[in-house]
Amino acid sequence: MGKPLKEQAFATPDKVAELVRKINKPIQQVLPPVTAKMNLYLQNPSTRTILFKPVKTNIVEAHIQVQSLLKSEYSPEEQSLTGSECTTRRSL
């Protein structure tokens, strides 16, 4: 059997933390202006909800999968180092 995931060069806690930062930054910085523009063009809230719900669901599901992987492969200390707390639900 090979090395555990966290011991692979691409999946060290530092690499995972970098990846999480790279993903969360656009969600927090790019998504709000996009939704603001969406509000300008789509005046009906139910239309916005219908269009945005699949996007939101996919983003949240991806974060849940990452969280699950981290919980199964990394210690609580390593998880805290990754900064992988799912801020997506608050951000979306």
PDB file of N, CA and C in Angstrom:
ATOM      1  N   MET A   1       0.848  -1.176   0.000  1.00  0.00           N
ATOM      2  CA  MET A   1       0.000   0.000   0.000  1.00  0.00           C
ATOM      3  C   MET A   1       0.895   1.242   0.000  1.00  0.00           C
ATOM      4  N   GLY A   2       0.442   2.297  -0.683  1.00  0.00           N
ATOM      5  CA  GLY A   2       1.216   3.528  -0.787  1.00  0.00           C
ATOM      6  C   GLY A   2       1.116   4.376   0.470  1.00  0.00           C
ATOM      7  N   LYS A   3       1.787   5.491   0.406  1.00  0.00           N
ATOM      8  CA  LYS A   3       1.789   6.428   1.530  1.00  0.00           C
ATOM      9  C   LYS A   3       0.393   7.022   1.730  1.00  0.00           C
ATOM     10  N   PRO A   4       0.079   7.413   2.962  1.00  0.00           N
ATOM     11  CA  PRO A   4      -1.195   8.101   3.199  1.00  0.00           C
ATOM     12  C   PRO A   4      -1.263   9.397   2.387  1.00  0.00           C
ATOM     13  N   LEU A   5      -2.457   9.838   2.103  1.00  0.00           N
ATOM     14  CA  LEU A   5      -2.664  11.024   1.285  1.00  0.00           C
ATOM     15  C   LEU A   5      -1.885  12.228   1.803  1.00  0.00           C
ATOM     16  N   LYS A   6      -1.941  12.468   3.104  1.00  0.00           N
ATOM     17  CA  LYS A   6      -1.293  13.655   3.669  1.00  0.00           C
ATOM     18  C   LYS A   6       0.224  13.630   3.535  1.00  0.00           C
ATOM     19  N   GLU A   7       0.783  12.476   3.225  1.00  0.00           N
ATOM     20  CA  GLU A   7       2.226  12.370   3.038  1.00  0.00           C
ATOM     21  C   GLU A   7       2.634  12.503   1.575  1.00  0.00           C
ATOM     22  N   GLN A   8       1.661  12.580   0.681  1.00  0.00           N
ATOM     23  CA  GLN A   8       1.951  12.795  -0.733  1.00  0.00           C
ATOM     24  C   GLN A   8       2.362  14.260  -0.918  1.00  0.00           C
ATOM     25  N   ALA A   9       3.287  14.520  -1.820  1.00  0.00           N
ATOM     26  CA  ALA A   9       3.817  15.875  -2.022  1.00  0.00           C
ATOM     27  C   ALA A   9       2.724  16.889  -2.360  1.00  0.00           C
ATOM     28  N   PHE A  10       1.716  16.473  -3.100  1.00  0.00           N
ATOM     29  CA  PHE A  10       0.665  17.394  -3.517  1.00  0.00           C
ATOM     30  C   PHE A  10      -0.409  17.612  -2.449  1.00  0.00           C
ATOM     31  N   ALA A  11      -0.384  16.822  -1.376  1.00  0.00           N
ATOM     32  CA  ALA A  11      -1.470  16.869  -0.395  1.00  0.00           C
ATOM     33  C   ALA A  11      -0.984  17.119   1.028  1.00  0.00           C
ATOM     34  N   THR A  12       0.174  17.713   1.180  1.00  0.00           N
ATOM     35  CA  THR A  12       0.631  18.057   2.532  1.00  0.00           C
ATOM     36  C   THR A  12      -0.313  19.098   3.113  1.00  0.00           C
ATOM     37  N   PRO A  13      -0.400  19.202   4.421  1.00  0.00           N
ATOM     38  CA  PRO A  13      -1.282  20.223   5.005  1.00  0.00           C
ATOM     39  C   PRO A  13      -1.006  21.630   4.479  1.00  0.00           C
ATOM     40  N   ASP A  14       0.259  21.960   4.229  1.00  0.00           N
ATOM     41  CA  ASP A  14       0.582  23.278   3.676  1.00  0.00           C
ATOM     42  C   ASP A  14       0.015  23.460   2.274  1.00  0.00           C
ATOM     43  N   LYS A  15       0.127  22.434   1.447  1.00  0.00           N
ATOM     44  CA  LYS A  15      -0.408  22.506   0.077  1.00  0.00           C
ATOM     45  C   LYS A  15      -1.933  22.606   0.099  1.00  0.00           C
ATOM     46  N   VAL A  16      -2.552  21.851   0.985  1.00  0.00           N
ATOM     47  CA  VAL A  16      -4.007  21.899   1.095  1.00  0.00           C
ATOM     48  C   VAL A  16      -4.446  23.284   1.568  1.00  0.00           C
ATOM     49  N   ALA A  17      -3.730  23.855   2.535  1.00  0.00           N
ATOM     50  CA  ALA A  17      -4.059  25.199   3.026  1.00  0.00           C
ATOM     51  C   ALA A  17      -3.947  26.217   1.895  1.00  0.00           C
ATOM     52  N   GLU A  18      -2.924  26.093   1.078  1.00  0.00           N
ATOM     53  CA  GLU A  18      -2.757  27.004  -0.065  1.00  0.00           C
ATOM     54  C   GLU A  18      -3.913  26.857  -1.047  1.00  0.00           C
ATOM     55  N   LEU A  19      -4.303  25.645  -1.317  1.00  0.00           N
ATOM     56  CA  LEU A  19      -5.413  25.381  -2.228  1.00  0.00           C
ATOM     57  C   LEU A  19      -6.725  25.956  -1.679  1.00  0.00           C
ATOM     58  N   VAL A  20      -6.972  25.748  -0.398  1.00  0.00           N
ATOM     59  CA  VAL A  20      -8.192  26.264   0.224  1.00  0.00           C
ATOM     60  C   VAL A  20      -8.234  27.788   0.124  1.00  0.00           C
ATOM     61  N   ARG A  21      -7.095  28.438   0.378  1.00  0.00           N
ATOM     62  CA  ARG A  21      -7.038  29.910   0.245  1.00  0.00           C
ATOM     63  C   ARG A  21      -7.317  30.347  -1.185  1.00  0.00           C
ATOM     64  N   LYS A  22      -6.743  29.637  -2.148  1.00  0.00           N
ATOM     65  CA  LYS A  22      -6.944  29.982  -3.559  1.00  0.00           C
ATOM     66  C   LYS A  22      -8.397  29.814  -3.992  1.00  0.00           C
ATOM     67  N   ILE A  23      -9.090  28.906  -3.375  1.00  0.00           N
ATOM     68  CA  ILE A  23     -10.494  28.673  -3.722  1.00  0.00           C
ATOM     69  C   ILE A  23     -11.408  29.645  -2.987  1.00  0.00           C
ATOM     70  N   ASN A  24     -11.173  29.850  -1.700  1.00  0.00           N
ATOM     71  CA  ASN A  24     -12.054  30.709  -0.916  1.00  0.00           C
ATOM     72  C   ASN A  24     -11.953  32.177  -1.298  1.00  0.00           C
ATOM     73  N   LYS A  25     -10.768  32.623  -1.698  1.00  0.00           N
ATOM     74  CA  LYS A  25     -10.586  34.036  -2.044  1.00  0.00           C
ATOM     75  C   LYS A  25     -11.517  34.470  -3.179  1.00  0.00           C
ATOM     76  N   PRO A  26     -11.556  33.760  -4.314  1.00  0.00           N
ATOM     77  CA  PRO A  26     -12.492  34.173  -5.366  1.00  0.00           C
ATOM     78  C   PRO A  26     -13.959  34.082  -4.943  1.00  0.00           C
ATOM     79  N   ILE A  27     -14.272  33.080  -4.139  1.00  0.00           N
ATOM     80  CA  ILE A  27     -15.659  32.960  -3.688  1.00  0.00           C
ATOM     81  C   ILE A  27     -16.048  34.190  -2.880  1.00  0.00           C
ATOM     82  N   GLN A  28     -15.154  34.647  -2.037  1.00  0.00           N
ATOM     83  CA  GLN A  28     -15.451  35.786  -1.175  1.00  0.00           C
ATOM     84  C   GLN A  28     -15.324  37.118  -1.906  1.00  0.00           C
ATOM     85  N   GLN A  29     -14.453  37.201  -2.924  1.00  0.00           N
ATOM     86  CA  GLN A  29     -14.222  38.474  -3.592  1.00  0.00           C
ATOM     87  C   GLN A  29     -14.979  38.615  -4.907  1.00  0.00           C
ATOM     88  N   VAL A  30     -15.127  37.559  -5.659  1.00  0.00           N
ATOM     89  CA  VAL A  30     -15.734  37.642  -6.976  1.00  0.00           C
ATOM     90  C   VAL A  30     -17.239  37.408  -6.931  1.00  0.00           C
ATOM     91  N   LEU A  31     -17.673  36.506  -6.102  1.00  0.00           N
ATOM     92  CA  LEU A  31     -19.081  36.140  -6.071  1.00  0.00           C
ATOM     93  C   LEU A  31     -20.014  37.287  -5.683  1.00  0.00           C
ATOM     94  N   PRO A  32     -19.700  38.093  -4.665  1.00  0.00           N
ATOM     95  CA  PRO A  32     -20.619  39.192  -4.329  1.00  0.00           C
ATOM     96  C   PRO A  32     -20.871  40.179  -5.474  1.00  0.00           C
ATOM     97  N   PRO A  33     -19.843  40.643  -6.212  1.00  0.00           N
ATOM     98  CA  PRO A  33     -20.142  41.520  -7.348  1.00  0.00           C
ATOM     99  C   PRO A  33     -20.962  40.841  -8.446  1.00  0.00           C
ATOM    100  N   VAL A  34     -20.721  39.554  -8.644  1.00  0.00           N
ATOM    101  CA  VAL A  34     -21.491  38.823  -9.651  1.00  0.00           C
ATOM    102  C   VAL A  34     -22.958  38.761  -9.245  1.00  0.00           C
ATOM    103  N   THR A  35     -23.208  38.460  -8.000  1.00  0.00           N
ATOM    104  CA  THR A  35     -24.607  38.406  -7.552  1.00  0.00           C
ATOM    105  C   THR A  35     -25.242  39.792  -7.572  1.00  0.00           C
ATOM    106  N   ALA A  36     -24.470  40.839  -7.318  1.00  0.00           N
ATOM    107  CA  ALA A  36     -25.004  42.202  -7.399  1.00  0.00           C
ATOM    108  C   ALA A  36     -25.408  42.532  -8.833  1.00  0.00           C
ATOM    109  N   LYS A  37     -24.572  42.146  -9.796  1.00  0.00           N
ATOM    110  CA  LYS A  37     -24.921  42.362 -11.202  1.00  0.00           C
ATOM    111  C   LYS A  37     -26.145  41.547 -11.586  1.00  0.00           C
ATOM    112  N   MET A  38     -26.206  40.351 -11.066  1.00  0.00           N
ATOM    113  CA  MET A  38     -27.356  39.502 -11.335  1.00  0.00           C
ATOM    114  C   MET A  38     -28.637  40.179 -10.845  1.00  0.00           C
ATOM    115  N   ASN A  39     -28.555  40.839  -9.708  1.00  0.00           N
ATOM    116  CA  ASN A  39     -29.717  41.548  -9.165  1.00  0.00           C
ATOM    117  C   ASN A  39     -30.149  42.688 -10.078  1.00  0.00           C
ATOM    118  N   LEU A  40     -29.197  43.312 -10.764  1.00  0.00           N
ATOM    119  CA  LEU A  40     -29.535  44.396 -11.690  1.00  0.00           C
ATOM    120  C   LEU A  40     -30.314  43.890 -12.895  1.00  0.00           C
ATOM    121  N   TYR A  41     -29.908  42.748 -13.423  1.00  0.00           N
ATOM    122  CA  TYR A  41     -30.498  42.242 -14.647  1.00  0.00           C
ATOM    123  C   TYR A  41     -31.701  41.331 -14.423  1.00  0.00           C
ATOM    124  N   LEU A  42     -31.724  40.701 -13.288  1.00  0.00           N
ATOM    125  CA  LEU A  42     -32.842  39.808 -12.973  1.00  0.00           C
ATOM    126  C   LEU A  42     -33.581  40.376 -11.767  1.00  0.00           C
ATOM    127  N   GLN A  43     -34.609  41.102 -12.033  1.00  0.00           N
ATOM    128  CA  GLN A  43     -35.327  41.811 -10.983  1.00  0.00           C
ATOM    129  C   GLN A  43     -36.171  40.885 -10.101  1.00  0.00           C
ATOM    130  N   ASN A  44     -36.590  39.779 -10.656  1.00  0.00           N
ATOM    131  CA  ASN A  44     -37.453  38.866  -9.921  1.00  0.00           C
ATOM    132  C   ASN A  44     -36.611  37.959  -9.017  1.00  0.00           C
ATOM    133  N   PRO A  45     -36.816  38.045  -7.688  1.00  0.00           N
ATOM    134  CA  PRO A  45     -36.027  37.210  -6.756  1.00  0.00           C
ATOM    135  C   PRO A  45     -36.165  35.704  -7.003  1.00  0.00           C
ATOM    136  N   SER A  46     -37.344  35.270  -7.407  1.00  0.00           N
ATOM    137  CA  SER A  46     -37.509  33.826  -7.626  1.00  0.00           C
ATOM    138  C   SER A  46     -36.709  33.367  -8.845  1.00  0.00           C
ATOM    139  N   THR A  47     -36.585  34.213  -9.856  1.00  0.00           N
ATOM    140  CA  THR A  47     -35.763  33.875 -11.025  1.00  0.00           C
ATOM    141  C   THR A  47     -34.301  33.769 -10.625  1.00  0.00           C
ATOM    142  N   ARG A  48     -33.829  34.714  -9.825  1.00  0.00           N
ATOM    143  CA  ARG A  48     -32.444  34.672  -9.343  1.00  0.00           C
ATOM    144  C   ARG A  48     -32.199  33.395  -8.552  1.00  0.00           C
ATOM    145  N   THR A  49     -33.128  33.057  -7.705  1.00  0.00           N
ATOM    146  CA  THR A  49     -32.991  31.854  -6.878  1.00  0.00           C
ATOM    147  C   THR A  49     -32.916  30.607  -7.747  1.00  0.00           C
ATOM    148  N   ILE A  50     -33.796  30.523  -8.730  1.00  0.00           N
ATOM    149  CA  ILE A  50     -33.823  29.358  -9.621  1.00  0.00           C
ATOM    150  C   ILE A  50     -32.504  29.230 -10.378  1.00  0.00           C
ATOM    151  N   LEU A  51     -31.974  30.344 -10.857  1.00  0.00           N
ATOM    152  CA  LEU A  51     -30.740  30.305 -11.632  1.00  0.00           C
ATOM    153  C   LEU A  51     -29.498  30.083 -10.777  1.00  0.00           C
ATOM    154  N   PHE A  52     -29.492  30.648  -9.584  1.00  0.00           N
ATOM    155  CA  PHE A  52     -28.295  30.586  -8.756  1.00  0.00           C
ATOM    156  C   PHE A  52     -28.223  29.337  -7.891  1.00  0.00           C
ATOM    157  N   LYS A  53     -29.351  28.715  -7.603  1.00  0.00           N
ATOM    158  CA  LYS A  53     -29.364  27.559  -6.706  1.00  0.00           C
ATOM    159  C   LYS A  53     -28.445  26.421  -7.152  1.00  0.00           C
ATOM    160  N   PRO A  54     -28.421  26.027  -8.438  1.00  0.00           N
ATOM    161  CA  PRO A  54     -27.501  24.949  -8.835  1.00  0.00           C
ATOM    162  C   PRO A  54     -26.032  25.319  -8.625  1.00  0.00           C
ATOM    163  N   VAL A  55     -25.684  26.572  -8.865  1.00  0.00           N
ATOM    164  CA  VAL A  55     -24.303  27.018  -8.663  1.00  0.00           C
ATOM    165  C   VAL A  55     -23.955  26.929  -7.179  1.00  0.00           C
ATOM    166  N   LYS A  56     -24.820  27.468  -6.352  1.00  0.00           N
ATOM    167  CA  LYS A  56     -24.603  27.447  -4.904  1.00  0.00           C
ATOM    168  C   LYS A  56     -24.504  26.006  -4.396  1.00  0.00           C
ATOM    169  N   THR A  57     -25.398  25.169  -4.855  1.00  0.00           N
ATOM    170  CA  THR A  57     -25.399  23.769  -4.436  1.00  0.00           C
ATOM    171  C   THR A  57     -24.090  23.070  -4.809  1.00  0.00           C
ATOM    172  N   ASN A  58     -23.602  23.311  -6.021  1.00  0.00           N
ATOM    173  CA  ASN A  58     -22.352  22.686  -6.450  1.00  0.00           C
ATOM    174  C   ASN A  58     -21.162  23.160  -5.631  1.00  0.00           C
ATOM    175  N   ILE A  59     -21.113  24.451  -5.334  1.00  0.00           N
ATOM    176  CA  ILE A  59     -20.006  24.989  -4.536  1.00  0.00           C
ATOM    177  C   ILE A  59     -20.035  24.410  -3.130  1.00  0.00           C
ATOM    178  N   VAL A  60     -21.200  24.392  -2.525  1.00  0.00           N
ATOM    179  CA  VAL A  60     -21.329  23.856  -1.168  1.00  0.00           C
ATOM    180  C   VAL A  60     -20.994  22.369  -1.154  1.00  0.00           C
ATOM    181  N   GLU A  61     -21.460  21.627  -2.135  1.00  0.00           N
ATOM    182  CA  GLU A  61     -21.178  20.190  -2.197  1.00  0.00           C
ATOM    183  C   GLU A  61     -19.679  19.934  -2.338  1.00  0.00           C
ATOM    184  N   ALA A  62     -19.002  20.724  -3.146  1.00  0.00           N
ATOM    185  CA  ALA A  62     -17.547  20.562  -3.299  1.00  0.00           C
ATOM    186  C   ALA A  62     -16.843  20.821  -1.972  1.00  0.00           C
ATOM    187  N   HIS A  63     -17.275  21.836  -1.234  1.00  0.00           N
ATOM    188  CA  HIS A  63     -16.671  22.118   0.069  1.00  0.00           C
ATOM    189  C   HIS A  63     -16.944  20.988   1.056  1.00  0.00           C
ATOM    190  N   ILE A  64     -18.126  20.433   1.013  1.00  0.00           N
ATOM    191  CA  ILE A  64     -18.467  19.318   1.902  1.00  0.00           C
ATOM    192  C   ILE A  64     -17.582  18.110   1.589  1.00  0.00           C
ATOM    193  N   GLN A  65     -17.338  17.851   0.316  1.00  0.00           N
ATOM    194  CA  GLN A  65     -16.481  16.732  -0.068  1.00  0.00           C
ATOM    195  C   GLN A  65     -15.049  16.944   0.417  1.00  0.00           C
ATOM    196  N   VAL A  66     -14.557  18.175   0.300  1.00  0.00           N
ATOM    197  CA  VAL A  66     -13.206  18.479   0.787  1.00  0.00           C
ATOM    198  C   VAL A  66     -13.151  18.296   2.301  1.00  0.00           C
ATOM    199  N   GLN A  67     -14.159  18.812   3.006  1.00  0.00           N
ATOM    200  CA  GLN A  67     -14.213  18.661   4.463  1.00  0.00           C
ATOM    201  C   GLN A  67     -14.206  17.187   4.853  1.00  0.00           C
ATOM    202  N   SER A  68     -14.980  16.395   4.150  1.00  0.00           N
ATOM    203  CA  SER A  68     -15.058  14.962   4.442  1.00  0.00           C
ATOM    204  C   SER A  68     -13.702  14.283   4.218  1.00  0.00           C
ATOM    205  N   LEU A  69     -13.058  14.622   3.130  1.00  0.00           N
ATOM    206  CA  LEU A  69     -11.737  14.064   2.848  1.00  0.00           C
ATOM    207  C   LEU A  69     -10.739  14.469   3.924  1.00  0.00           C
ATOM    208  N   LEU A  70     -10.757  15.723   4.322  1.00  0.00           N
ATOM    209  CA  LEU A  70      -9.836  16.189   5.358  1.00  0.00           C
ATOM    210  C   LEU A  70     -10.080  15.463   6.672  1.00  0.00           C
ATOM    211  N   LYS A  71     -11.344  15.273   7.028  1.00  0.00           N
ATOM    212  CA  LYS A  71     -11.664  14.583   8.282  1.00  0.00           C
ATOM    213  C   LYS A  71     -11.207  13.132   8.266  1.00  0.00           C
ATOM    214  N   SER A  72     -11.252  12.509   7.092  1.00  0.00           N
ATOM    215  CA  SER A  72     -10.866  11.101   7.021  1.00  0.00           C
ATOM    216  C   SER A  72      -9.358  10.894   6.881  1.00  0.00           C
ATOM    217  N   GLU A  73      -8.644  11.878   6.365  1.00  0.00           N
ATOM    218  CA  GLU A  73      -7.224  11.702   6.055  1.00  0.00           C
ATOM    219  C   GLU A  73      -6.263  12.499   6.938  1.00  0.00           C
ATOM    220  N   TYR A  74      -6.764  13.519   7.624  1.00  0.00           N
ATOM    221  CA  TYR A  74      -5.892  14.411   8.381  1.00  0.00           C
ATOM    222  C   TYR A  74      -6.329  14.472   9.843  1.00  0.00           C
ATOM    223  N   SER A  75      -5.365  14.703  10.727  1.00  0.00           N
ATOM    224  CA  SER A  75      -5.669  14.845  12.158  1.00  0.00           C
ATOM    225  C   SER A  75      -6.374  16.182  12.386  1.00  0.00           C
ATOM    226  N   PRO A  76      -7.055  16.335  13.529  1.00  0.00           N
ATOM    227  CA  PRO A  76      -7.697  17.627  13.817  1.00  0.00           C
ATOM    228  C   PRO A  76      -6.715  18.803  13.777  1.00  0.00           C
ATOM    229  N   GLU A  77      -5.504  18.588  14.234  1.00  0.00           N
ATOM    230  CA  GLU A  77      -4.496  19.653  14.202  1.00  0.00           C
ATOM    231  C   GLU A  77      -4.155  20.032  12.763  1.00  0.00           C
ATOM    232  N   GLU A  78      -3.986  19.022  11.923  1.00  0.00           N
ATOM    233  CA  GLU A  78      -3.679  19.277  10.512  1.00  0.00           C
ATOM    234  C   GLU A  78      -4.857  19.943   9.805  1.00  0.00           C
ATOM    235  N   GLN A  79      -6.067  19.550  10.175  1.00  0.00           N
ATOM    236  CA  GLN A  79      -7.252  20.172   9.593  1.00  0.00           C
ATOM    237  C   GLN A  79      -7.298  21.655   9.931  1.00  0.00           C
ATOM    238  N   SER A  80      -6.953  21.987  11.179  1.00  0.00           N
ATOM    239  CA  SER A  80      -6.984  23.401  11.573  1.00  0.00           C
ATOM    240  C   SER A  80      -5.912  24.196  10.838  1.00  0.00           C
ATOM    241  N   LEU A  81      -4.789  23.562  10.502  1.00  0.00           N
ATOM    242  CA  LEU A  81      -3.730  24.238   9.748  1.00  0.00           C
ATOM    243  C   LEU A  81      -4.153  24.555   8.323  1.00  0.00           C
ATOM    244  N   THR A  82      -5.050  23.755   7.775  1.00  0.00           N
ATOM    245  CA  THR A  82      -5.464  23.973   6.389  1.00  0.00           C
ATOM    246  C   THR A  82      -6.402  25.160   6.247  1.00  0.00           C
ATOM    247  N   GLY A  83      -7.006  25.598   7.354  1.00  0.00           N
ATOM    248  CA  GLY A  83      -7.944  26.707   7.265  1.00  0.00           C
ATOM    249  C   GLY A  83      -9.143  26.351   6.416  1.00  0.00           C
ATOM    250  N   SER A  84      -9.549  25.119   6.473  1.00  0.00           N
ATOM    251  CA  SER A  84     -10.558  24.606   5.552  1.00  0.00           C
ATOM    252  C   SER A  84     -11.989  24.764   6.036  1.00  0.00           C
ATOM    253  N   GLU A  85     -12.193  25.575   7.050  1.00  0.00           N
ATOM    254  CA  GLU A  85     -13.564  25.778   7.507  1.00  0.00           C
ATOM    255  C   GLU A  85     -14.416  26.259   6.338  1.00  0.00           C
ATOM    256  N   CYS A  86     -15.537  25.685   6.216  1.00  0.00           N
ATOM    257  CA  CYS A  86     -16.392  25.987   5.080  1.00  0.00           C
ATOM    258  C   CYS A  86     -17.093  27.330   5.282  1.00  0.00           C
ATOM    259  N   THR A  87     -16.557  28.352   4.662  1.00  0.00           N
ATOM    260  CA  THR A  87     -17.169  29.683   4.746  1.00  0.00           C
ATOM    261  C   THR A  87     -18.173  29.901   3.643  1.00  0.00           C
ATOM    262  N   THR A  88     -18.292  28.926   2.783  1.00  0.00           N
ATOM    263  CA  THR A  88     -19.144  29.079   1.600  1.00  0.00           C
ATOM    264  C   THR A  88     -20.591  29.327   1.944  1.00  0.00           C
ATOM    265  N   ARG A  89     -21.114  28.632   2.917  1.00  0.00           N
ATOM    266  CA  ARG A  89     -22.528  28.816   3.256  1.00  0.00           C
ATOM    267  C   ARG A  89     -22.812  30.238   3.692  1.00  0.00           C
ATOM    268  N   ARG A  90     -21.883  30.842   4.416  1.00  0.00           N
ATOM    269  CA  ARG A  90     -22.056  32.236   4.809  1.00  0.00           C
ATOM    270  C   ARG A  90     -21.853  33.154   3.626  1.00  0.00           C
ATOM    271  N   SER A  91     -20.949  32.797   2.723  1.00  0.00           N
ATOM    272  CA  SER A  91     -20.598  33.654   1.595  1.00  0.00           C
ATOM    273  C   SER A  91     -21.651  33.651   0.498  1.00  0.00           C
ATOM    274  N   LEU A  92     -22.377  32.549   0.364  1.00  0.00           N
ATOM    275  CA  LEU A  92     -23.332  32.443  -0.730  1.00  0.00           C
ATOM    276  C   LEU A  92     -24.650  33.010  -0.377  1.00  0.00           C
TER     277      LEU A  92
END
